[in-house]
Amino acid sequence: MRRGKYRSTRGILNSKKDAGLAVVAMAITYGLLAVSHPQEALHAPLSTIGSTQVKGHHEVQAADSPTPSPTPTSAELTLSARGPLRSTGRLYLDGPVPVSTARYSPTPVTDPLEPIDPDPNAVQWVEGLGVSPSDAEQGTVFLIGHSWSAGSYALNPVSRFVTTRTDFSPGQGSRLVSSGIEGATLTLEDANRVSRRWRIHSSYLVPKDEAHSDSGLFDPHEPGRLVLITCAITADRDLHYNVVLIGQLIQP
């Protein structure tokens, strides 16, 4: 893996209003990392995505944050694909960095784009951008969630893993390709054990101040596609990048 300097920042995606907002693309860190500037200690993670003014998308006011829900307990995964998937449930990821404590729920489109649920285990699908998980065959499902180097968040290990396997050499454009998580399966499962599964086929980092202008990333109409976005972090830094995972729906 080629190593270069990571750009450090206080959030995930930059907004025209507030720098340092986070989307759900995933990044994890293994090995030594070169950080250009020490990260200022944060008392809480900043928002997820920067400006939501992308093609095919309208601006919506942010909703009030709800009271945090209790942390879900681990449960044995039972796969089923019968019936409509409910709008809330559990999220699982297998592969090199398993996730078993996360839960999914809807979050409205906001500007900047960020999950409204502050629970560290919350990963939310964006209502009003793309399609709901129950309609996954019809378009792109967008998932966003926080990663934060100073906290214990469900997506932290994924974010670090992707980040440390990213090629930071110059001349690549805005998407910095990572490797190692391809082939992992992301599953959304509701209380009735109805589930939808996606196979992860690519991962990359994108600068926070450029992600909102990536029209390919925010295409809402690609059938069966999953986009997961989160903050890029290292063991002790929050970087000026978002981690992005792309997957394709596995038909039952």
C-alpha atoms as a PDB file:
ATOM      1  CA  MET A   1       0.000   0.000   0.000  1.00  0.00           C
ATOM      2  CA  ARG A   2       1.356   3.398  -0.949  1.00  0.00           C
ATOM      3  CA  ARG A   3       1.280   5.815   1.923  1.00  0.00           C
ATOM      4  CA  GLY A   4       0.786   9.533   1.662  1.00  0.00           C
ATOM      5  CA  LYS A   5      -0.343  12.326   3.912  1.00  0.00           C
ATOM      6  CA  TYR A   6      -3.853  12.210   5.230  1.00  0.00           C
ATOM      7  CA  ARG A   7      -5.660  15.502   5.424  1.00  0.00           C
ATOM      8  CA  SER A   8      -7.042  16.029   8.909  1.00  0.00           C
ATOM      9  CA  THR A   9     -10.332  17.777   9.609  1.00  0.00           C
ATOM     10  CA  ARG A  10     -13.091  18.026  12.182  1.00  0.00           C
ATOM     11  CA  GLY A  11     -15.819  16.372  10.190  1.00  0.00           C
ATOM     12  CA  ILE A  12     -16.744  14.206   7.238  1.00  0.00           C
ATOM     13  CA  LEU A  13     -18.043  16.333   4.380  1.00  0.00           C
ATOM     14  CA  ASN A  14     -17.610  20.029   4.003  1.00  0.00           C
ATOM     15  CA  SER A  15     -20.755  22.120   3.545  1.00  0.00           C
ATOM     16  CA  LYS A  16     -21.102  25.640   2.278  1.00  0.00           C
ATOM     17  CA  LYS A  17     -22.478  26.402   5.732  1.00  0.00           C
ATOM     18  CA  ASP A  18     -20.347  24.302   8.037  1.00  0.00           C
ATOM     19  CA  ALA A  19     -17.049  22.553   7.455  1.00  0.00           C
ATOM     20  CA  GLY A  20     -16.643  19.022   8.664  1.00  0.00           C
ATOM     21  CA  LEU A  21     -19.803  17.051   7.898  1.00  0.00           C
ATOM     22  CA  ALA A  22     -19.928  13.296   7.543  1.00  0.00           C
ATOM     23  CA  VAL A  23     -21.485  10.932   5.018  1.00  0.00           C
ATOM     24  CA  VAL A  24     -21.723   7.181   5.191  1.00  0.00           C
ATOM     25  CA  ALA A  25     -18.793   5.819   3.320  1.00  0.00           C
ATOM     26  CA  MET A  26     -16.573   3.585   5.428  1.00  0.00           C
ATOM     27  CA  ALA A  27     -12.918   3.881   6.470  1.00  0.00           C
ATOM     28  CA  ILE A  28     -10.780   1.909   8.916  1.00  0.00           C
ATOM     29  CA  THR A  29      -7.155   2.185   9.855  1.00  0.00           C
ATOM     30  CA  TYR A  30      -4.446  -0.459  10.148  1.00  0.00           C
ATOM     31  CA  GLY A  31      -0.724   0.316  10.383  1.00  0.00           C
ATOM     32  CA  LEU A  32       1.104   3.621  10.614  1.00  0.00           C
ATOM     33  CA  LEU A  33      -0.599   6.735   9.359  1.00  0.00           C
ATOM     34  CA  ALA A  34       0.949  10.044   8.396  1.00  0.00           C
ATOM     35  CA  VAL A  35      -1.294  12.917   9.459  1.00  0.00           C
ATOM     36  CA  SER A  36      -0.418  16.396   8.307  1.00  0.00           C
ATOM     37  CA  HIS A  37      -1.815  18.204  11.343  1.00  0.00           C
ATOM     38  CA  PRO A  38      -2.754  16.957  14.822  1.00  0.00           C
ATOM     39  CA  GLN A  39      -6.508  16.600  15.271  1.00  0.00           C
ATOM     40  CA  GLU A  40      -8.147  18.903  17.765  1.00  0.00           C
ATOM     41  CA  ALA A  41     -10.055  16.937  20.410  1.00  0.00           C
ATOM     42  CA  LEU A  42     -13.795  16.839  19.764  1.00  0.00           C
ATOM     43  CA  HIS A  43     -16.583  16.425  22.292  1.00  0.00           C
ATOM     44  CA  ALA A  44     -18.924  14.890  19.719  1.00  0.00           C
ATOM     45  CA  PRO A  45     -18.817  13.813  16.065  1.00  0.00           C
ATOM     46  CA  LEU A  46     -19.869  16.382  13.518  1.00  0.00           C
ATOM     47  CA  SER A  47     -22.553  15.875  10.917  1.00  0.00           C
ATOM     48  CA  THR A  48     -22.320  13.345   8.142  1.00  0.00           C
ATOM     49  CA  ILE A  49     -22.510  14.780   4.628  1.00  0.00           C
ATOM     50  CA  GLY A  50     -21.776  18.193   3.286  1.00  0.00           C
ATOM     51  CA  SER A  51     -24.005  20.056   0.882  1.00  0.00           C
ATOM     52  CA  THR A  52     -26.929  18.018  -0.385  1.00  0.00           C
ATOM     53  CA  GLN A  53     -27.317  20.162  -3.479  1.00  0.00           C
ATOM     54  CA  VAL A  54     -26.536  17.379  -5.946  1.00  0.00           C
ATOM     55  CA  LYS A  55     -28.204  16.550  -9.235  1.00  0.00           C
ATOM     56  CA  GLY A  56     -31.731  15.272  -8.868  1.00  0.00           C
ATOM     57  CA  HIS A  57     -31.885  16.335  -5.246  1.00  0.00           C
ATOM     58  CA  HIS A  58     -33.737  19.159  -3.477  1.00  0.00           C
ATOM     59  CA  GLU A  59     -32.781  20.906  -0.253  1.00  0.00           C
ATOM     60  CA  VAL A  60     -34.758  20.028   2.884  1.00  0.00           C
ATOM     61  CA  GLN A  61     -34.531  21.569   6.324  1.00  0.00           C
ATOM     62  CA  ALA A  62     -32.887  19.485   9.049  1.00  0.00           C
ATOM     63  CA  ALA A  63     -35.161  17.737  11.524  1.00  0.00           C
ATOM     64  CA  ASP A  64     -34.755  17.837  15.284  1.00  0.00           C
ATOM     65  CA  SER A  65     -32.655  15.016  16.688  1.00  0.00           C
ATOM     66  CA  PRO A  66     -34.649  12.356  18.554  1.00  0.00           C
ATOM     67  CA  THR A  67     -33.834  10.966  21.963  1.00  0.00           C
ATOM     68  CA  PRO A  68     -31.148   8.260  21.574  1.00  0.00           C
ATOM     69  CA  SER A  69     -32.484   4.734  21.504  1.00  0.00           C
ATOM     70  CA  PRO A  70     -31.026   1.985  23.689  1.00  0.00           C
ATOM     71  CA  THR A  71     -28.038   0.155  22.262  1.00  0.00           C
ATOM     72  CA  PRO A  72     -29.268  -3.030  20.561  1.00  0.00           C
ATOM     73  CA  THR A  73     -28.083  -6.370  21.859  1.00  0.00           C
ATOM     74  CA  SER A  74     -26.425  -8.839  19.499  1.00  0.00           C
ATOM     75  CA  ALA A  75     -28.680 -11.353  17.786  1.00  0.00           C
ATOM     76  CA  GLU A  76     -28.077 -14.374  15.610  1.00  0.00           C
ATOM     77  CA  LEU A  77     -28.597 -13.497  11.978  1.00  0.00           C
ATOM     78  CA  THR A  78     -31.348 -15.392  10.187  1.00  0.00           C
ATOM     79  CA  LEU A  79     -31.690 -14.546   6.507  1.00  0.00           C
ATOM     80  CA  SER A  80     -35.039 -14.285   4.796  1.00  0.00           C
ATOM     81  CA  ALA A  81     -36.167 -12.349   1.754  1.00  0.00           C
ATOM     82  CA  ARG A  82     -39.917 -12.856   1.909  1.00  0.00           C
ATOM     83  CA  GLY A  83     -42.309  -9.986   2.331  1.00  0.00           C
ATOM     84  CA  PRO A  84     -41.665  -6.229   2.476  1.00  0.00           C
ATOM     85  CA  LEU A  85     -38.722  -5.076   4.536  1.00  0.00           C
ATOM     86  CA  ARG A  86     -39.699  -2.782   7.410  1.00  0.00           C
ATOM     87  CA  SER A  87     -38.193   0.695   7.633  1.00  0.00           C
ATOM     88  CA  THR A  88     -36.249  -0.127  10.824  1.00  0.00           C
ATOM     89  CA  GLY A  89     -34.201  -3.087  11.992  1.00  0.00           C
ATOM     90  CA  ARG A  90     -30.642  -4.354  12.342  1.00  0.00           C
ATOM     91  CA  LEU A  91     -27.637  -3.944  10.082  1.00  0.00           C
ATOM     92  CA  TYR A  92     -24.961  -6.599   9.699  1.00  0.00           C
ATOM     93  CA  LEU A  93     -21.710  -6.672   7.762  1.00  0.00           C
ATOM     94  CA  ASP A  94     -19.550  -9.760   7.372  1.00  0.00           C
ATOM     95  CA  GLY A  95     -16.049 -10.005   5.926  1.00  0.00           C
ATOM     96  CA  PRO A  96     -12.774  -8.659   7.353  1.00  0.00           C
ATOM     97  CA  VAL A  97     -14.454  -6.127   9.697  1.00  0.00           C
ATOM     98  CA  PRO A  98     -17.760  -7.604  10.913  1.00  0.00           C
ATOM     99  CA  VAL A  99     -20.496  -5.286  12.199  1.00  0.00           C
ATOM    100  CA  SER A 100     -23.181  -6.820  14.425  1.00  0.00           C
ATOM    101  CA  THR A 101     -24.389  -4.053  16.775  1.00  0.00           C
ATOM    102  CA  ALA A 102     -25.712  -1.554  14.227  1.00  0.00           C
ATOM    103  CA  ARG A 103     -29.363  -0.786  13.589  1.00  0.00           C
ATOM    104  CA  TYR A 104     -30.942   0.985  10.652  1.00  0.00           C
ATOM    105  CA  SER A 105     -33.777   3.531  10.460  1.00  0.00           C
ATOM    106  CA  PRO A 106     -34.858   6.381   8.165  1.00  0.00           C
ATOM    107  CA  THR A 107     -33.469   9.908   8.299  1.00  0.00           C
ATOM    108  CA  PRO A 108     -34.774  12.840   6.233  1.00  0.00           C
ATOM    109  CA  VAL A 109     -32.769  14.607   3.563  1.00  0.00           C
ATOM    110  CA  THR A 110     -31.064  17.595   5.178  1.00  0.00           C
ATOM    111  CA  ASP A 111     -28.572  20.241   4.142  1.00  0.00           C
ATOM    112  CA  PRO A 112     -25.934  19.343   5.125  1.00  0.00           C
ATOM    113  CA  LEU A 113     -26.785  15.653   4.875  1.00  0.00           C
ATOM    114  CA  GLU A 114     -26.402  13.905   8.215  1.00  0.00           C
ATOM    115  CA  PRO A 115     -28.122  11.222  10.306  1.00  0.00           C
ATOM    116  CA  ILE A 116     -30.524  12.618  12.890  1.00  0.00           C
ATOM    117  CA  ASP A 117     -30.114   9.716  15.319  1.00  0.00           C
ATOM    118  CA  PRO A 118     -27.102  10.383  17.615  1.00  0.00           C
ATOM    119  CA  ASP A 119     -26.880   6.779  18.824  1.00  0.00           C
ATOM    120  CA  PRO A 120     -23.380   5.360  18.081  1.00  0.00           C
ATOM    121  CA  ASN A 121     -24.984   2.223  16.620  1.00  0.00           C
ATOM    122  CA  ALA A 122     -27.302   4.089  14.247  1.00  0.00           C
ATOM    123  CA  VAL A 123     -26.841   3.760  10.477  1.00  0.00           C
ATOM    124  CA  GLN A 124     -29.672   5.510   8.654  1.00  0.00           C
ATOM    125  CA  TRP A 125     -31.116   5.293   5.162  1.00  0.00           C
ATOM    126  CA  VAL A 126     -31.887   8.643   3.556  1.00  0.00           C
ATOM    127  CA  GLU A 127     -35.590   9.186   2.992  1.00  0.00           C
ATOM    128  CA  GLY A 128     -36.063  11.423  -0.041  1.00  0.00           C
ATOM    129  CA  LEU A 129     -32.811  10.511  -1.788  1.00  0.00           C
ATOM    130  CA  GLY A 130     -32.877   7.289  -3.773  1.00  0.00           C
ATOM    131  CA  VAL A 131     -35.220   4.541  -2.575  1.00  0.00           C
ATOM    132  CA  SER A 132     -36.117   2.845   0.693  1.00  0.00           C
ATOM    133  CA  PRO A 133     -34.548  -0.552   1.500  1.00  0.00           C
ATOM    134  CA  SER A 134     -37.904  -2.229   0.807  1.00  0.00           C
ATOM    135  CA  ASP A 135     -37.765  -0.854  -2.764  1.00  0.00           C
ATOM    136  CA  ALA A 136     -34.092  -1.690  -3.294  1.00  0.00           C
ATOM    137  CA  GLU A 137     -34.720  -3.257  -6.706  1.00  0.00           C
ATOM    138  CA  GLN A 138     -35.954   0.104  -8.035  1.00  0.00           C
ATOM    139  CA  GLY A 139     -32.956   2.337  -7.339  1.00  0.00           C
ATOM    140  CA  THR A 140     -30.109   3.280  -4.999  1.00  0.00           C
ATOM    141  CA  VAL A 141     -30.359   2.916  -1.216  1.00  0.00           C
ATOM    142  CA  PHE A 142     -28.233   5.546   0.574  1.00  0.00           C
ATOM    143  CA  LEU A 143     -26.991   4.738   4.081  1.00  0.00           C
ATOM    144  CA  ILE A 144     -25.182   7.267   6.255  1.00  0.00           C
ATOM    145  CA  GLY A 145     -23.673   6.952   9.705  1.00  0.00           C
ATOM    146  CA  HIS A 146     -21.121   8.498  12.011  1.00  0.00           C
ATOM    147  CA  SER A 147     -17.554   7.384  12.576  1.00  0.00           C
ATOM    148  CA  TRP A 148     -15.540   9.256  15.198  1.00  0.00           C
ATOM    149  CA  SER A 149     -12.020   8.543  16.381  1.00  0.00           C
ATOM    150  CA  ALA A 150     -12.782   9.690  19.943  1.00  0.00           C
ATOM    151  CA  GLY A 151     -15.887   7.514  20.350  1.00  0.00           C
ATOM    152  CA  SER A 152     -17.095   3.924  20.071  1.00  0.00           C
ATOM    153  CA  TYR A 153     -19.214   3.867  16.934  1.00  0.00           C
ATOM    154  CA  ALA A 154     -20.433   0.821  15.027  1.00  0.00           C
ATOM    155  CA  LEU A 155     -18.801   1.967  11.789  1.00  0.00           C
ATOM    156  CA  ASN A 156     -15.424   2.932  13.287  1.00  0.00           C
ATOM    157  CA  PRO A 157     -13.677  -0.374  12.461  1.00  0.00           C
ATOM    158  CA  VAL A 158     -14.919  -0.282   8.871  1.00  0.00           C
ATOM    159  CA  SER A 159     -13.764   3.283   8.412  1.00  0.00           C
ATOM    160  CA  ARG A 160     -10.291   2.589   9.741  1.00  0.00           C
ATOM    161  CA  PHE A 161      -9.965  -0.580   7.660  1.00  0.00           C
ATOM    162  CA  VAL A 162     -10.809   1.156   4.393  1.00  0.00           C
ATOM    163  CA  THR A 163      -8.680   4.212   5.153  1.00  0.00           C
ATOM    164  CA  THR A 164      -5.479   2.279   5.829  1.00  0.00           C
ATOM    165  CA  ARG A 165      -5.917   0.386   2.565  1.00  0.00           C
ATOM    166  CA  THR A 166      -6.344   3.515   0.475  1.00  0.00           C
ATOM    167  CA  ASP A 167      -3.828   4.657  -2.123  1.00  0.00           C
ATOM    168  CA  PHE A 168      -3.073   8.319  -1.373  1.00  0.00           C
ATOM    169  CA  SER A 169      -0.583   8.799  -4.209  1.00  0.00           C
ATOM    170  CA  PRO A 170      -1.197  11.926  -6.349  1.00  0.00           C
ATOM    171  CA  GLY A 171      -2.871  12.020  -9.734  1.00  0.00           C
ATOM    172  CA  GLN A 172      -5.910   9.839  -8.989  1.00  0.00           C
ATOM    173  CA  GLY A 173      -8.617  12.462  -9.069  1.00  0.00           C
ATOM    174  CA  SER A 174     -11.145  12.896  -6.285  1.00  0.00           C
ATOM    175  CA  ARG A 175     -11.786   9.180  -5.686  1.00  0.00           C
ATOM    176  CA  LEU A 176      -8.956   7.465  -3.804  1.00  0.00           C
ATOM    177  CA  VAL A 177      -9.399   3.739  -4.325  1.00  0.00           C
ATOM    178  CA  SER A 178      -9.189   1.290  -1.433  1.00  0.00           C
ATOM    179  CA  SER A 179      -9.218  -2.506  -1.381  1.00  0.00           C
ATOM    180  CA  GLY A 180      -9.761  -5.415   0.989  1.00  0.00           C
ATOM    181  CA  ILE A 181     -13.452  -5.200   1.855  1.00  0.00           C
ATOM    182  CA  GLU A 182     -14.762  -6.325  -1.544  1.00  0.00           C
ATOM    183  CA  GLY A 183     -16.959  -9.413  -1.326  1.00  0.00           C
ATOM    184  CA  ALA A 184     -18.342  -8.593   2.126  1.00  0.00           C
ATOM    185  CA  THR A 185     -22.122  -8.821   2.501  1.00  0.00           C
ATOM    186  CA  LEU A 186     -24.190  -6.059   4.093  1.00  0.00           C
ATOM    187  CA  THR A 187     -27.578  -7.189   5.420  1.00  0.00           C
ATOM    188  CA  LEU A 188     -30.583  -5.212   6.630  1.00  0.00           C
ATOM    189  CA  GLU A 189     -32.933  -7.365   8.701  1.00  0.00           C
ATOM    190  CA  ASP A 190     -36.205  -6.297  10.327  1.00  0.00           C
ATOM    191  CA  ALA A 191     -38.003  -7.668  13.397  1.00  0.00           C
ATOM    192  CA  ASN A 192     -39.825 -10.235  11.239  1.00  0.00           C
ATOM    193  CA  ARG A 193     -36.490 -11.605   9.988  1.00  0.00           C
ATOM    194  CA  VAL A 194     -37.217 -10.247   6.525  1.00  0.00           C
ATOM    195  CA  SER A 195     -33.932  -9.124   5.006  1.00  0.00           C
ATOM    196  CA  ARG A 196     -32.195  -7.596   2.008  1.00  0.00           C
ATOM    197  CA  ARG A 197     -28.544  -8.269   1.222  1.00  0.00           C
ATOM    198  CA  TRP A 198     -25.954  -6.416  -0.848  1.00  0.00           C
ATOM    199  CA  ARG A 199     -22.498  -7.594  -1.946  1.00  0.00           C
ATOM    200  CA  ILE A 200     -19.834  -4.892  -1.537  1.00  0.00           C
ATOM    201  CA  HIS A 201     -17.818  -4.546  -4.744  1.00  0.00           C
ATOM    202  CA  SER A 202     -15.851  -1.308  -4.305  1.00  0.00           C
ATOM    203  CA  SER A 203     -14.655   1.189  -1.711  1.00  0.00           C
ATOM    204  CA  TYR A 204     -12.894   4.526  -1.853  1.00  0.00           C
ATOM    205  CA  LEU A 205     -12.258   7.802  -0.048  1.00  0.00           C
ATOM    206  CA  VAL A 206     -13.417  11.159  -1.373  1.00  0.00           C
ATOM    207  CA  PRO A 207     -12.556  14.627  -0.008  1.00  0.00           C
ATOM    208  CA  LYS A 208     -15.403  16.002   2.058  1.00  0.00           C
ATOM    209  CA  ASP A 209     -15.567  19.222   0.103  1.00  0.00           C
ATOM    210  CA  GLU A 210     -15.885  17.327  -3.198  1.00  0.00           C
ATOM    211  CA  ALA A 211     -18.265  14.467  -2.380  1.00  0.00           C
ATOM    212  CA  HIS A 212     -21.440  16.512  -2.875  1.00  0.00           C
ATOM    213  CA  SER A 213     -20.461  17.255  -6.492  1.00  0.00           C
ATOM    214  CA  ASP A 214     -19.845  13.588  -7.367  1.00  0.00           C
ATOM    215  CA  SER A 215     -22.877  13.039  -9.616  1.00  0.00           C
ATOM    216  CA  GLY A 216     -22.052   9.353 -10.089  1.00  0.00           C
ATOM    217  CA  LEU A 217     -22.049   8.751  -6.352  1.00  0.00           C
ATOM    218  CA  PHE A 218     -25.440  10.368  -5.845  1.00  0.00           C
ATOM    219  CA  ASP A 219     -27.228   8.806  -8.829  1.00  0.00           C
ATOM    220  CA  PRO A 220     -30.537   7.718  -7.206  1.00  0.00           C
ATOM    221  CA  HIS A 221     -31.808   5.617 -10.110  1.00  0.00           C
ATOM    222  CA  GLU A 222     -29.325   2.732 -10.398  1.00  0.00           C
ATOM    223  CA  PRO A 223     -31.349  -0.437  -9.634  1.00  0.00           C
ATOM    224  CA  GLY A 224     -30.165  -2.546  -6.717  1.00  0.00           C
ATOM    225  CA  ARG A 225     -27.255  -0.280  -5.773  1.00  0.00           C
ATOM    226  CA  LEU A 226     -26.248   0.457  -2.167  1.00  0.00           C
ATOM    227  CA  VAL A 227     -24.119   3.443  -1.108  1.00  0.00           C
ATOM    228  CA  LEU A 228     -22.806   3.554   2.451  1.00  0.00           C
ATOM    229  CA  ILE A 229     -21.049   6.745   3.547  1.00  0.00           C
ATOM    230  CA  THR A 230     -19.263   7.548   6.793  1.00  0.00           C
ATOM    231  CA  CYS A 231     -16.409   9.696   8.082  1.00  0.00           C
ATOM    232  CA  ALA A 232     -12.861   8.616   7.369  1.00  0.00           C
ATOM    233  CA  ILE A 233     -10.907   8.137  10.576  1.00  0.00           C
ATOM    234  CA  THR A 234      -7.663   6.695  11.855  1.00  0.00           C
ATOM    235  CA  ALA A 235      -6.952   5.425  15.338  1.00  0.00           C
ATOM    236  CA  ASP A 236      -6.760   8.986  16.672  1.00  0.00           C
ATOM    237  CA  ARG A 237      -7.685  11.353  13.834  1.00  0.00           C
ATOM    238  CA  ASP A 238     -10.778  12.476  11.938  1.00  0.00           C
ATOM    239  CA  LEU A 239      -9.767  13.056   8.326  1.00  0.00           C
ATOM    240  CA  HIS A 240     -10.876  15.434   5.602  1.00  0.00           C
ATOM    241  CA  TYR A 241     -12.424  12.522   3.702  1.00  0.00           C
ATOM    242  CA  ASN A 242     -15.531  10.382   3.571  1.00  0.00           C
ATOM    243  CA  VAL A 243     -15.383   6.632   3.226  1.00  0.00           C
ATOM    244  CA  VAL A 244     -17.720   5.221   0.590  1.00  0.00           C
ATOM    245  CA  LEU A 245     -18.780   1.598   0.133  1.00  0.00           C
ATOM    246  CA  ILE A 246     -20.669   0.538  -2.984  1.00  0.00           C
ATOM    247  CA  GLY A 247     -22.660  -2.692  -3.149  1.00  0.00           C
ATOM    248  CA  GLN A 248     -25.136  -4.505  -5.382  1.00  0.00           C
ATOM    249  CA  LEU A 249     -28.356  -6.187  -4.286  1.00  0.00           C
ATOM    250  CA  ILE A 250     -28.212  -9.976  -4.014  1.00  0.00           C
ATOM    251  CA  GLN A 251     -31.416 -11.411  -5.413  1.00  0.00           C
ATOM    252  CA  PRO A 252     -33.115 -14.066  -3.229  1.00  0.00           C
END
